[in-house]
């Protein structure tokens, strides 16, 4: 039916749909549309899902597991004289010392490997707002990761003991 050049039946039909149909009826239509979509595209959905799951499985089986071991070392404040206040450590410097060539050479000699091999899985970090060095080592062998992280931590502690011991002896030891 046309009035004034406008198709009024179209407007009435929309009005009837919105007024005459409940929310449950709209949900039923949406449910039917969804189930029809799933039936029509079920093969593609299954193929894509199978390909993604198969690819993820193949990738996970093809990779060797990597074990990571870490050792936390508390860096004590330095005391330069008996009467001065302790000085907080500069953790950036301590991090650089822990991964330095001297420490790695000492650790690698105790393990019987090269410093370059030891450096390959090593990472040294500092958790935020702490005086802790986190020395980590990643390897495909869990025992090797633990041994190497511990060796680097021990070498760092020995180097610090030597350095701090020299400072203490030269500053305030009665035997210098």
C-alpha atoms as a PDB file:
ATOM      1  CA  UNK A   1       0.000   0.000   0.000  1.00  0.00           C
ATOM      2  CA  UNK A   2       1.423   3.375  -0.954  1.00  0.00           C
ATOM      3  CA  UNK A   3       0.588   6.722   0.514  1.00  0.00           C
ATOM      4  CA  UNK A   4       2.276   9.881  -0.532  1.00  0.00           C
ATOM      5  CA  UNK A   5       4.854   7.893  -2.469  1.00  0.00           C
ATOM      6  CA  UNK A   6       6.034   5.934   0.617  1.00  0.00           C
ATOM      7  CA  UNK A   7       5.565   2.187   1.016  1.00  0.00           C
ATOM      8  CA  UNK A   8       3.513   2.175   4.234  1.00  0.00           C
ATOM      9  CA  UNK A   9       3.132  -1.617   4.340  1.00  0.00           C
ATOM     10  CA  UNK A  10       6.870  -1.871   4.982  1.00  0.00           C
ATOM     11  CA  UNK A  11       6.524   0.405   8.016  1.00  0.00           C
ATOM     12  CA  UNK A  12       3.522  -1.555   9.332  1.00  0.00           C
ATOM     13  CA  UNK A  13       5.338  -4.854   8.936  1.00  0.00           C
ATOM     14  CA  UNK A  14       8.271  -3.582  11.049  1.00  0.00           C
ATOM     15  CA  UNK A  15       5.904  -2.242  13.657  1.00  0.00           C
ATOM     16  CA  UNK A  16       4.135  -5.592  13.833  1.00  0.00           C
ATOM     17  CA  UNK A  17       7.426  -7.445  14.235  1.00  0.00           C
ATOM     18  CA  UNK A  18       8.638  -5.326  17.088  1.00  0.00           C
ATOM     19  CA  UNK A  19       5.281  -5.237  18.888  1.00  0.00           C
ATOM     20  CA  UNK A  20       4.053  -8.720  18.158  1.00  0.00           C
ATOM     21  CA  UNK A  21       7.179 -10.714  18.899  1.00  0.00           C
ATOM     22  CA  UNK A  22       8.516 -11.357  22.386  1.00  0.00           C
ATOM     23  CA  UNK A  23      12.140 -11.536  23.407  1.00  0.00           C
ATOM     24  CA  UNK A  24      11.862 -15.312  23.600  1.00  0.00           C
ATOM     25  CA  UNK A  25      10.741 -15.387  19.995  1.00  0.00           C
ATOM     26  CA  UNK A  26      13.729 -13.271  18.934  1.00  0.00           C
ATOM     27  CA  UNK A  27      16.043 -15.574  20.886  1.00  0.00           C
ATOM     28  CA  UNK A  28      14.545 -18.610  19.168  1.00  0.00           C
ATOM     29  CA  UNK A  29      15.178 -17.076  15.749  1.00  0.00           C
ATOM     30  CA  UNK A  30      18.776 -16.228  16.728  1.00  0.00           C
ATOM     31  CA  UNK A  31      19.250 -19.767  18.025  1.00  0.00           C
ATOM     32  CA  UNK A  32      17.950 -21.250  14.776  1.00  0.00           C
ATOM     33  CA  UNK A  33      20.237 -18.976  12.749  1.00  0.00           C
ATOM     34  CA  UNK A  34      23.235 -19.981  14.858  1.00  0.00           C
ATOM     35  CA  UNK A  35      22.495 -23.687  14.578  1.00  0.00           C
ATOM     36  CA  UNK A  36      22.004 -23.350  10.816  1.00  0.00           C
ATOM     37  CA  UNK A  37      25.346 -21.534  10.519  1.00  0.00           C
ATOM     38  CA  UNK A  38      27.067 -24.282  12.524  1.00  0.00           C
ATOM     39  CA  UNK A  39      25.505 -27.055  10.402  1.00  0.00           C
ATOM     40  CA  UNK A  40      26.527 -25.360   7.166  1.00  0.00           C
ATOM     41  CA  UNK A  41      30.120 -24.640   8.295  1.00  0.00           C
ATOM     42  CA  UNK A  42      30.703 -27.646  10.573  1.00  0.00           C
ATOM     43  CA  UNK A  43      33.238 -29.288   8.266  1.00  0.00           C
ATOM     44  CA  UNK A  44      35.342 -26.114   8.031  1.00  0.00           C
ATOM     45  CA  UNK A  45      35.160 -25.550  11.786  1.00  0.00           C
ATOM     46  CA  UNK A  46      36.350 -29.102  12.461  1.00  0.00           C
ATOM     47  CA  UNK A  47      39.138 -28.900   9.864  1.00  0.00           C
ATOM     48  CA  UNK A  48      40.522 -25.605  11.178  1.00  0.00           C
ATOM     49  CA  UNK A  49      40.277 -26.747  14.815  1.00  0.00           C
ATOM     50  CA  UNK A  50      42.024 -30.027  13.996  1.00  0.00           C
ATOM     51  CA  UNK A  51      44.779 -28.252  12.072  1.00  0.00           C
ATOM     52  CA  UNK A  52      45.447 -25.794  14.923  1.00  0.00           C
ATOM     53  CA  UNK A  53      45.466 -28.511  17.599  1.00  0.00           C
ATOM     54  CA  UNK A  54      47.655 -30.773  15.441  1.00  0.00           C
ATOM     55  CA  UNK A  55      50.118 -27.961  14.713  1.00  0.00           C
ATOM     56  CA  UNK A  56      50.360 -26.975  18.380  1.00  0.00           C
ATOM     57  CA  UNK A  57      50.918 -30.594  19.378  1.00  0.00           C
ATOM     58  CA  UNK A  58      53.642 -31.066  16.765  1.00  0.00           C
ATOM     59  CA  UNK A  59      55.434 -27.901  17.858  1.00  0.00           C
ATOM     60  CA  UNK A  60      55.318 -28.833  21.544  1.00  0.00           C
ATOM     61  CA  UNK A  61      56.642 -32.353  20.894  1.00  0.00           C
ATOM     62  CA  UNK A  62      59.424 -31.120  18.621  1.00  0.00           C
ATOM     63  CA  UNK A  63      60.944 -28.806  21.240  1.00  0.00           C
ATOM     64  CA  UNK A  64      63.192 -29.901  24.069  1.00  0.00           C
ATOM     65  CA  UNK A  65      62.145 -28.727  27.510  1.00  0.00           C
ATOM     66  CA  UNK A  66      64.272 -25.945  28.977  1.00  0.00           C
ATOM     67  CA  UNK A  67      64.865 -25.950  32.714  1.00  0.00           C
ATOM     68  CA  UNK A  68      65.762 -22.760  34.519  1.00  0.00           C
ATOM     69  CA  UNK A  69      67.449 -22.657  37.883  1.00  0.00           C
ATOM     70  CA  UNK A  70      68.087 -19.506  39.845  1.00  0.00           C
ATOM     71  CA  UNK A  71      70.058 -18.569  42.918  1.00  0.00           C
ATOM     72  CA  UNK A  72      69.303 -15.438  44.933  1.00  0.00           C
ATOM     73  CA  UNK A  73      72.268 -13.654  46.504  1.00  0.00           C
ATOM     74  CA  UNK A  74      71.708 -10.962  49.109  1.00  0.00           C
ATOM     75  CA  UNK A  75      74.134  -8.077  48.610  1.00  0.00           C
ATOM     76  CA  UNK A  76      74.996  -6.569  51.973  1.00  0.00           C
ATOM     77  CA  UNK A  77      75.499  -2.821  52.477  1.00  0.00           C
ATOM     78  CA  UNK A  78      79.162  -1.797  52.552  1.00  0.00           C
ATOM     79  CA  UNK A  79      80.764  -0.508  55.731  1.00  0.00           C
ATOM     80  CA  UNK A  80      83.903   1.461  54.902  1.00  0.00           C
ATOM     81  CA  UNK A  81      84.817   2.582  58.413  1.00  0.00           C
ATOM     82  CA  UNK A  82      83.647   1.470  61.808  1.00  0.00           C
ATOM     83  CA  UNK A  83      82.084   4.855  62.520  1.00  0.00           C
ATOM     84  CA  UNK A  84      80.388   5.501  59.156  1.00  0.00           C
ATOM     85  CA  UNK A  85      76.877   4.484  58.193  1.00  0.00           C
ATOM     86  CA  UNK A  86      76.519   1.492  55.862  1.00  0.00           C
ATOM     87  CA  UNK A  87      76.374   2.408  52.183  1.00  0.00           C
ATOM     88  CA  UNK A  88      73.633   0.740  50.104  1.00  0.00           C
ATOM     89  CA  UNK A  89      75.014  -1.297  47.208  1.00  0.00           C
ATOM     90  CA  UNK A  90      74.670  -0.106  43.621  1.00  0.00           C
ATOM     91  CA  UNK A  91      72.764  -3.062  42.205  1.00  0.00           C
ATOM     92  CA  UNK A  92      73.533  -2.169  38.583  1.00  0.00           C
ATOM     93  CA  UNK A  93      77.231  -2.441  39.341  1.00  0.00           C
ATOM     94  CA  UNK A  94      76.755  -5.669  41.297  1.00  0.00           C
ATOM     95  CA  UNK A  95      74.815  -7.125  38.367  1.00  0.00           C
ATOM     96  CA  UNK A  96      77.671  -6.224  36.003  1.00  0.00           C
ATOM     97  CA  UNK A  97      80.230  -7.749  38.378  1.00  0.00           C
ATOM     98  CA  UNK A  98      78.230 -10.993  38.662  1.00  0.00           C
ATOM     99  CA  UNK A  99      78.236 -11.446  34.879  1.00  0.00           C
ATOM    100  CA  UNK A 100      81.787 -10.170  34.367  1.00  0.00           C
ATOM    101  CA  UNK A 101      84.567 -12.138  32.767  1.00  0.00           C
ATOM    102  CA  UNK A 102      86.456 -12.571  36.058  1.00  0.00           C
ATOM    103  CA  UNK A 103      83.483 -14.192  37.803  1.00  0.00           C
ATOM    104  CA  UNK A 104      82.646 -16.311  34.754  1.00  0.00           C
ATOM    105  CA  UNK A 105      86.267 -17.479  34.420  1.00  0.00           C
ATOM    106  CA  UNK A 106      86.347 -18.559  38.085  1.00  0.00           C
ATOM    107  CA  UNK A 107      82.985 -20.346  37.777  1.00  0.00           C
ATOM    108  CA  UNK A 108      83.867 -22.019  34.461  1.00  0.00           C
ATOM    109  CA  UNK A 109      87.194 -23.283  35.798  1.00  0.00           C
ATOM    110  CA  UNK A 110      85.413 -24.908  38.749  1.00  0.00           C
ATOM    111  CA  UNK A 111      82.973 -26.583  36.316  1.00  0.00           C
ATOM    112  CA  UNK A 112      85.606 -27.539  33.752  1.00  0.00           C
ATOM    113  CA  UNK A 113      83.956 -25.709  30.833  1.00  0.00           C
ATOM    114  CA  UNK A 114      84.697 -22.538  28.866  1.00  0.00           C
ATOM    115  CA  UNK A 115      83.469 -19.134  30.003  1.00  0.00           C
ATOM    116  CA  UNK A 116      81.683 -18.678  26.659  1.00  0.00           C
ATOM    117  CA  UNK A 117      79.748 -21.908  27.187  1.00  0.00           C
ATOM    118  CA  UNK A 118      78.818 -20.810  30.692  1.00  0.00           C
ATOM    119  CA  UNK A 119      77.715 -17.391  29.462  1.00  0.00           C
ATOM    120  CA  UNK A 120      75.320 -18.873  26.869  1.00  0.00           C
ATOM    121  CA  UNK A 121      72.558 -19.811  29.334  1.00  0.00           C
ATOM    122  CA  UNK A 122      73.271 -17.241  32.029  1.00  0.00           C
ATOM    123  CA  UNK A 123      71.130 -14.300  33.024  1.00  0.00           C
ATOM    124  CA  UNK A 124      71.588 -11.988  35.986  1.00  0.00           C
ATOM    125  CA  UNK A 125      68.789  -9.766  37.210  1.00  0.00           C
ATOM    126  CA  UNK A 126      67.772  -7.604  40.125  1.00  0.00           C
ATOM    127  CA  UNK A 127      64.171  -7.749  41.378  1.00  0.00           C
ATOM    128  CA  UNK A 128      62.713  -4.269  41.776  1.00  0.00           C
ATOM    129  CA  UNK A 129      63.539  -2.352  44.943  1.00  0.00           C
ATOM    130  CA  UNK A 130      65.730  -5.097  46.451  1.00  0.00           C
ATOM    131  CA  UNK A 131      69.360  -5.759  47.280  1.00  0.00           C
ATOM    132  CA  UNK A 132      69.128  -9.237  45.770  1.00  0.00           C
ATOM    133  CA  UNK A 133      70.927 -10.547  42.706  1.00  0.00           C
ATOM    134  CA  UNK A 134      69.015 -13.269  40.890  1.00  0.00           C
ATOM    135  CA  UNK A 135      71.503 -15.446  39.022  1.00  0.00           C
ATOM    136  CA  UNK A 136      69.665 -17.747  36.594  1.00  0.00           C
ATOM    137  CA  UNK A 137      70.815 -20.450  34.225  1.00  0.00           C
ATOM    138  CA  UNK A 138      68.746 -22.161  31.526  1.00  0.00           C
ATOM    139  CA  UNK A 139      69.602 -25.610  30.177  1.00  0.00           C
ATOM    140  CA  UNK A 140      67.930 -28.714  28.764  1.00  0.00           C
ATOM    141  CA  UNK A 141      69.379 -30.659  31.729  1.00  0.00           C
ATOM    142  CA  UNK A 142      67.921 -29.612  35.114  1.00  0.00           C
ATOM    143  CA  UNK A 143      70.958 -30.757  37.124  1.00  0.00           C
ATOM    144  CA  UNK A 144      73.290 -28.848  34.805  1.00  0.00           C
ATOM    145  CA  UNK A 145      71.186 -25.693  35.145  1.00  0.00           C
ATOM    146  CA  UNK A 146      71.354 -25.964  38.940  1.00  0.00           C
ATOM    147  CA  UNK A 147      75.112 -26.655  39.034  1.00  0.00           C
ATOM    148  CA  UNK A 148      75.972 -23.786  36.720  1.00  0.00           C
ATOM    149  CA  UNK A 149      73.757 -21.227  38.482  1.00  0.00           C
ATOM    150  CA  UNK A 150      75.251 -22.240  41.818  1.00  0.00           C
ATOM    151  CA  UNK A 151      78.817 -22.086  40.455  1.00  0.00           C
ATOM    152  CA  UNK A 152      78.311 -18.520  39.189  1.00  0.00           C
ATOM    153  CA  UNK A 153      76.769 -17.486  42.518  1.00  0.00           C
ATOM    154  CA  UNK A 154      79.681 -19.039  44.443  1.00  0.00           C
ATOM    155  CA  UNK A 155      82.236 -17.346  42.190  1.00  0.00           C
ATOM    156  CA  UNK A 156      80.487 -13.993  42.655  1.00  0.00           C
ATOM    157  CA  UNK A 157      80.455 -14.378  46.447  1.00  0.00           C
ATOM    158  CA  UNK A 158      84.161 -15.338  46.481  1.00  0.00           C
ATOM    159  CA  UNK A 159      85.060 -12.321  44.340  1.00  0.00           C
ATOM    160  CA  UNK A 160      83.067 -10.013  46.619  1.00  0.00           C
ATOM    161  CA  UNK A 161      84.688 -11.473  49.709  1.00  0.00           C
ATOM    162  CA  UNK A 162      88.119 -10.808  48.206  1.00  0.00           C
ATOM    163  CA  UNK A 163      87.167  -7.266  47.157  1.00  0.00           C
ATOM    164  CA  UNK A 164      85.433  -6.335  50.407  1.00  0.00           C
ATOM    165  CA  UNK A 165      88.166  -8.002  52.447  1.00  0.00           C
ATOM    166  CA  UNK A 166      90.795  -5.840  50.742  1.00  0.00           C
ATOM    167  CA  UNK A 167      88.721  -2.713  51.342  1.00  0.00           C
ATOM    168  CA  UNK A 168      88.256  -3.572  54.990  1.00  0.00           C
ATOM    169  CA  UNK A 169      91.946  -4.371  55.563  1.00  0.00           C
ATOM    170  CA  UNK A 170      93.113  -1.195  53.845  1.00  0.00           C
ATOM    171  CA  UNK A 171      90.572   1.080  55.570  1.00  0.00           C
ATOM    172  CA  UNK A 172      90.325   0.093  59.199  1.00  0.00           C
ATOM    173  CA  UNK A 173      92.098  -3.125  59.960  1.00  0.00           C
ATOM    174  CA  UNK A 174      94.689  -2.740  62.731  1.00  0.00           C
ATOM    175  CA  UNK A 175      97.026  -5.101  60.810  1.00  0.00           C
ATOM    176  CA  UNK A 176      97.601  -3.086  57.605  1.00  0.00           C
END
